[in-house]
């Protein structure tokens, strides 16, 4: 998921389609990554925290 976000910042739905996962699974993973400081979210778009 981090590799995909590094290539292209994405919404939950975009990630779910690209990774062939359920949106709920993607959302849960993104929350964990956000809490650990690895990703950030702005206006529904997630990206690696260091890419800002």
PDB file of N, CA and C in Angstrom:
ATOM      1  N   UNK A   1       0.826  -1.176   0.000  1.00  0.00           N
ATOM      2  CA  UNK A   1       0.000   0.000   0.000  1.00  0.00           C
ATOM      3  C   UNK A   1       0.882   1.256   0.000  1.00  0.00           C
ATOM      4  N   UNK A   2       1.941   1.244   0.803  1.00  0.00           N
ATOM      5  CA  UNK A   2       2.837   2.403   0.822  1.00  0.00           C
ATOM      6  C   UNK A   2       3.502   2.610  -0.535  1.00  0.00           C
ATOM      7  N   UNK A   3       3.881   1.513  -1.179  1.00  0.00           N
ATOM      8  CA  UNK A   3       4.489   1.629  -2.512  1.00  0.00           C
ATOM      9  C   UNK A   3       3.517   2.267  -3.497  1.00  0.00           C
ATOM     10  N   UNK A   4       2.270   1.846  -3.435  1.00  0.00           N
ATOM     11  CA  UNK A   4       1.233   2.402  -4.332  1.00  0.00           C
ATOM     12  C   UNK A   4       1.036   3.885  -4.064  1.00  0.00           C
ATOM     13  N   UNK A   5       0.998   4.260  -2.785  1.00  0.00           N
ATOM     14  CA  UNK A   5       0.823   5.676  -2.439  1.00  0.00           C
ATOM     15  C   UNK A   5       2.035   6.510  -2.858  1.00  0.00           C
ATOM     16  N   UNK A   6       3.217   5.906  -2.813  1.00  0.00           N
ATOM     17  CA  UNK A   6       4.421   6.630  -3.242  1.00  0.00           C
ATOM     18  C   UNK A   6       4.370   6.906  -4.742  1.00  0.00           C
ATOM     19  N   UNK A   7       3.776   5.966  -5.493  1.00  0.00           N
ATOM     20  CA  UNK A   7       3.634   6.156  -6.938  1.00  0.00           C
ATOM     21  C   UNK A   7       2.578   7.207  -7.252  1.00  0.00           C
ATOM     22  N   UNK A   8       1.457   7.137  -6.510  1.00  0.00           N
ATOM     23  CA  UNK A   8       0.343   8.039  -6.795  1.00  0.00           C
ATOM     24  C   UNK A   8      -0.522   8.205  -5.549  1.00  0.00           C
ATOM     25  N   UNK A   9      -0.547   9.389  -4.957  1.00  0.00           N
ATOM     26  CA  UNK A   9      -1.471   9.626  -3.846  1.00  0.00           C
ATOM     27  C   UNK A   9      -2.891   9.272  -4.282  1.00  0.00           C
ATOM     28  N   UNK A  10      -3.661   8.641  -3.397  1.00  0.00           N
ATOM     29  CA  UNK A  10      -4.950   8.092  -3.791  1.00  0.00           C
ATOM     30  C   UNK A  10      -5.979   8.169  -2.674  1.00  0.00           C
ATOM     31  N   UNK A  11      -7.234   8.069  -3.082  1.00  0.00           N
ATOM     32  CA  UNK A  11      -8.332   7.956  -2.118  1.00  0.00           C
ATOM     33  C   UNK A  11      -8.479   6.490  -1.715  1.00  0.00           C
ATOM     34  N   UNK A  12      -9.298   6.245  -0.707  1.00  0.00           N
ATOM     35  CA  UNK A  12      -9.555   4.870  -0.270  1.00  0.00           C
ATOM     36  C   UNK A  12     -10.119   4.051  -1.423  1.00  0.00           C
ATOM     37  N   UNK A  13     -11.096   4.586  -2.136  1.00  0.00           N
ATOM     38  CA  UNK A  13     -11.706   3.844  -3.242  1.00  0.00           C
ATOM     39  C   UNK A  13     -10.703   3.538  -4.351  1.00  0.00           C
ATOM     40  N   UNK A  14      -9.862   4.500  -4.681  1.00  0.00           N
ATOM     41  CA  UNK A  14      -8.856   4.274  -5.723  1.00  0.00           C
ATOM     42  C   UNK A  14      -7.879   3.176  -5.301  1.00  0.00           C
ATOM     43  N   UNK A  15      -7.452   3.221  -4.037  1.00  0.00           N
ATOM     44  CA  UNK A  15      -6.542   2.187  -3.535  1.00  0.00           C
ATOM     45  C   UNK A  15      -7.206   0.818  -3.540  1.00  0.00           C
ATOM     46  N   UNK A  16      -8.454   0.773  -3.108  1.00  0.00           N
ATOM     47  CA  UNK A  16      -9.178  -0.499  -3.062  1.00  0.00           C
ATOM     48  C   UNK A  16      -9.253  -1.123  -4.455  1.00  0.00           C
ATOM     49  N   UNK A  17      -9.568  -0.320  -5.454  1.00  0.00           N
ATOM     50  CA  UNK A  17      -9.634  -0.839  -6.829  1.00  0.00           C
ATOM     51  C   UNK A  17      -8.259  -1.293  -7.311  1.00  0.00           C
ATOM     52  N   UNK A  18      -7.251  -0.486  -7.076  1.00  0.00           N
ATOM     53  CA  UNK A  18      -5.907  -0.805  -7.566  1.00  0.00           C
ATOM     54  C   UNK A  18      -5.331  -2.049  -6.892  1.00  0.00           C
ATOM     55  N   UNK A  19      -5.630  -2.221  -5.619  1.00  0.00           N
ATOM     56  CA  UNK A  19      -5.069  -3.340  -4.868  1.00  0.00           C
ATOM     57  C   UNK A  19      -6.012  -4.530  -4.770  1.00  0.00           C
ATOM     58  N   UNK A  20      -7.198  -4.387  -5.374  1.00  0.00           N
ATOM     59  CA  UNK A  20      -8.213  -5.432  -5.346  1.00  0.00           C
ATOM     60  C   UNK A  20      -8.543  -5.868  -3.917  1.00  0.00           C
ATOM     61  N   UNK A  21      -8.804  -4.873  -3.063  1.00  0.00           N
ATOM     62  CA  UNK A  21      -9.196  -5.089  -1.675  1.00  0.00           C
ATOM     63  C   UNK A  21     -10.525  -4.414  -1.413  1.00  0.00           C
ATOM     64  N   UNK A  22     -11.157  -4.799  -0.325  1.00  0.00           N
ATOM     65  CA  UNK A  22     -12.391  -4.143   0.090  1.00  0.00           C
ATOM     66  C   UNK A  22     -12.051  -2.762   0.661  1.00  0.00           C
ATOM     67  N   UNK A  23     -12.882  -1.752   0.406  1.00  0.00           N
ATOM     68  CA  UNK A  23     -12.617  -0.410   0.943  1.00  0.00           C
ATOM     69  C   UNK A  23     -12.453  -0.390   2.464  1.00  0.00           C
ATOM     70  N   UNK A  24     -13.195  -1.218   3.173  1.00  0.00           N
ATOM     71  CA  UNK A  24     -13.059  -1.269   4.635  1.00  0.00           C
ATOM     72  C   UNK A  24     -11.682  -1.744   5.081  1.00  0.00           C
ATOM     73  N   UNK A  25     -11.135  -2.712   4.357  1.00  0.00           N
ATOM     74  CA  UNK A  25      -9.785  -3.202   4.655  1.00  0.00           C
ATOM     75  C   UNK A  25      -8.756  -2.102   4.424  1.00  0.00           C
ATOM     76  N   UNK A  26      -8.921  -1.401   3.313  1.00  0.00           N
ATOM     77  CA  UNK A  26      -7.998  -0.310   2.976  1.00  0.00           C
ATOM     78  C   UNK A  26      -8.095   0.800   4.025  1.00  0.00           C
ATOM     79  N   UNK A  27      -9.312   1.161   4.407  1.00  0.00           N
ATOM     80  CA  UNK A  27      -9.506   2.219   5.403  1.00  0.00           C
ATOM     81  C   UNK A  27      -8.853   1.850   6.723  1.00  0.00           C
ATOM     82  N   UNK A  28      -9.033   0.602   7.165  1.00  0.00           N
ATOM     83  CA  UNK A  28      -8.429   0.166   8.430  1.00  0.00           C
ATOM     84  C   UNK A  28      -6.910   0.236   8.360  1.00  0.00           C
ATOM     85  N   UNK A  29      -6.342  -0.199   7.251  1.00  0.00           N
ATOM     86  CA  UNK A  29      -4.887  -0.148   7.094  1.00  0.00           C
ATOM     87  C   UNK A  29      -4.378   1.286   7.060  1.00  0.00           C
ATOM     88  N   UNK A  30      -5.101   2.153   6.361  1.00  0.00           N
ATOM     89  CA  UNK A  30      -4.683   3.558   6.279  1.00  0.00           C
ATOM     90  C   UNK A  30      -4.748   4.245   7.633  1.00  0.00           C
ATOM     91  N   UNK A  31      -5.734   3.920   8.436  1.00  0.00           N
ATOM     92  CA  UNK A  31      -5.828   4.504   9.774  1.00  0.00           C
ATOM     93  C   UNK A  31      -4.613   4.106  10.601  1.00  0.00           C
ATOM     94  N   UNK A  32      -4.249   2.824  10.535  1.00  0.00           N
ATOM     95  CA  UNK A  32      -3.063   2.366  11.266  1.00  0.00           C
ATOM     96  C   UNK A  32      -1.813   3.082  10.776  1.00  0.00           C
ATOM     97  N   UNK A  33      -1.669   3.197   9.455  1.00  0.00           N
ATOM     98  CA  UNK A  33      -0.502   3.876   8.899  1.00  0.00           C
ATOM     99  C   UNK A  33      -0.482   5.353   9.263  1.00  0.00           C
ATOM    100  N   UNK A  34      -1.655   5.963   9.309  1.00  0.00           N
ATOM    101  CA  UNK A  34      -1.731   7.378   9.684  1.00  0.00           C
ATOM    102  C   UNK A  34      -1.369   7.570  11.155  1.00  0.00           C
ATOM    103  N   UNK A  35      -1.844   6.681  12.016  1.00  0.00           N
ATOM    104  CA  UNK A  35      -1.539   6.777  13.443  1.00  0.00           C
ATOM    105  C   UNK A  35      -0.054   6.571  13.737  1.00  0.00           C
ATOM    106  N   UNK A  36       0.617   5.792  12.911  1.00  0.00           N
ATOM    107  CA  UNK A  36       2.050   5.580  13.103  1.00  0.00           C
ATOM    108  C   UNK A  36       2.894   6.634  12.384  1.00  0.00           C
ATOM    109  N   UNK A  37       2.235   7.558  11.676  1.00  0.00           N
ATOM    110  CA  UNK A  37       2.940   8.654  11.032  1.00  0.00           C
ATOM    111  C   UNK A  37       3.509   8.332   9.667  1.00  0.00           C
ATOM    112  N   UNK A  38       3.103   7.215   9.083  1.00  0.00           N
ATOM    113  CA  UNK A  38       3.654   6.828   7.787  1.00  0.00           C
ATOM    114  C   UNK A  38       2.897   7.425   6.612  1.00  0.00           C
ATOM    115  N   UNK A  39       1.628   7.737   6.793  1.00  0.00           N
ATOM    116  CA  UNK A  39       0.856   8.384   5.737  1.00  0.00           C
ATOM    117  C   UNK A  39       0.116   9.581   6.317  1.00  0.00           C
ATOM    118  N   UNK A  40      -0.253  10.470   5.433  1.00  0.00           N
ATOM    119  CA  UNK A  40      -1.072  11.609   5.828  1.00  0.00           C
ATOM    120  C   UNK A  40      -2.249  11.704   4.857  1.00  0.00           C
ATOM    121  N   UNK A  41      -3.302  12.348   5.317  1.00  0.00           N
ATOM    122  CA  UNK A  41      -4.514  12.488   4.514  1.00  0.00           C
ATOM    123  C   UNK A  41      -4.902  13.948   4.438  1.00  0.00           C
ATOM    124  N   UNK A  42      -5.269  14.380   3.256  1.00  0.00           N
ATOM    125  CA  UNK A  42      -5.767  15.735   3.059  1.00  0.00           C
ATOM    126  C   UNK A  42      -6.849  15.687   1.986  1.00  0.00           C
ATOM    127  N   UNK A  43      -8.028  16.158   2.329  1.00  0.00           N
ATOM    128  CA  UNK A  43      -9.159  16.183   1.399  1.00  0.00           C
ATOM    129  C   UNK A  43      -9.481  14.805   0.822  1.00  0.00           C
ATOM    130  N   UNK A  44      -9.324  13.756   1.649  1.00  0.00           N
ATOM    131  CA  UNK A  44      -9.654  12.405   1.217  1.00  0.00           C
ATOM    132  C   UNK A  44      -8.591  11.712   0.394  1.00  0.00           C
ATOM    133  N   UNK A  45      -7.445  12.348   0.224  1.00  0.00           N
ATOM    134  CA  UNK A  45      -6.341  11.767  -0.540  1.00  0.00           C
ATOM    135  C   UNK A  45      -5.203  11.420   0.424  1.00  0.00           C
ATOM    136  N   UNK A  46      -4.750  10.180   0.337  1.00  0.00           N
ATOM    137  CA  UNK A  46      -3.659   9.698   1.196  1.00  0.00           C
ATOM    138  C   UNK A  46      -2.361   9.693   0.420  1.00  0.00           C
ATOM    139  N   UNK A  47      -1.274  10.014   1.151  1.00  0.00           N
ATOM    140  CA  UNK A  47       0.074  10.013   0.548  1.00  0.00           C
ATOM    141  C   UNK A  47       1.070   9.686   1.651  1.00  0.00           C
ATOM    142  N   UNK A  48       2.259   9.228   1.269  1.00  0.00           N
ATOM    143  CA  UNK A  48       3.277   8.994   2.294  1.00  0.00           C
ATOM    144  C   UNK A  48       3.549  10.299   3.043  1.00  0.00           C
ATOM    145  N   UNK A  49       3.741  10.202   4.339  1.00  0.00           N
ATOM    146  CA  UNK A  49       3.932  11.406   5.161  1.00  0.00           C
ATOM    147  C   UNK A  49       5.147  12.205   4.735  1.00  0.00           C
ATOM    148  N   UNK A  50       6.167  11.560   4.230  1.00  0.00           N
ATOM    149  CA  UNK A  50       7.387  12.260   3.826  1.00  0.00           C
ATOM    150  C   UNK A  50       7.259  12.948   2.481  1.00  0.00           C
ATOM    151  N   UNK A  51       6.181  12.676   1.741  1.00  0.00           N
ATOM    152  CA  UNK A  51       6.031  13.247   0.397  1.00  0.00           C
ATOM    153  C   UNK A  51       5.430  14.645   0.411  1.00  0.00           C
ATOM    154  N   UNK A  52       5.131  15.190   1.565  1.00  0.00           N
ATOM    155  CA  UNK A  52       4.495  16.507   1.645  1.00  0.00           C
ATOM    156  C   UNK A  52       5.480  17.538   1.406  1.00  0.00           C
TER     157      UNK A  52
END
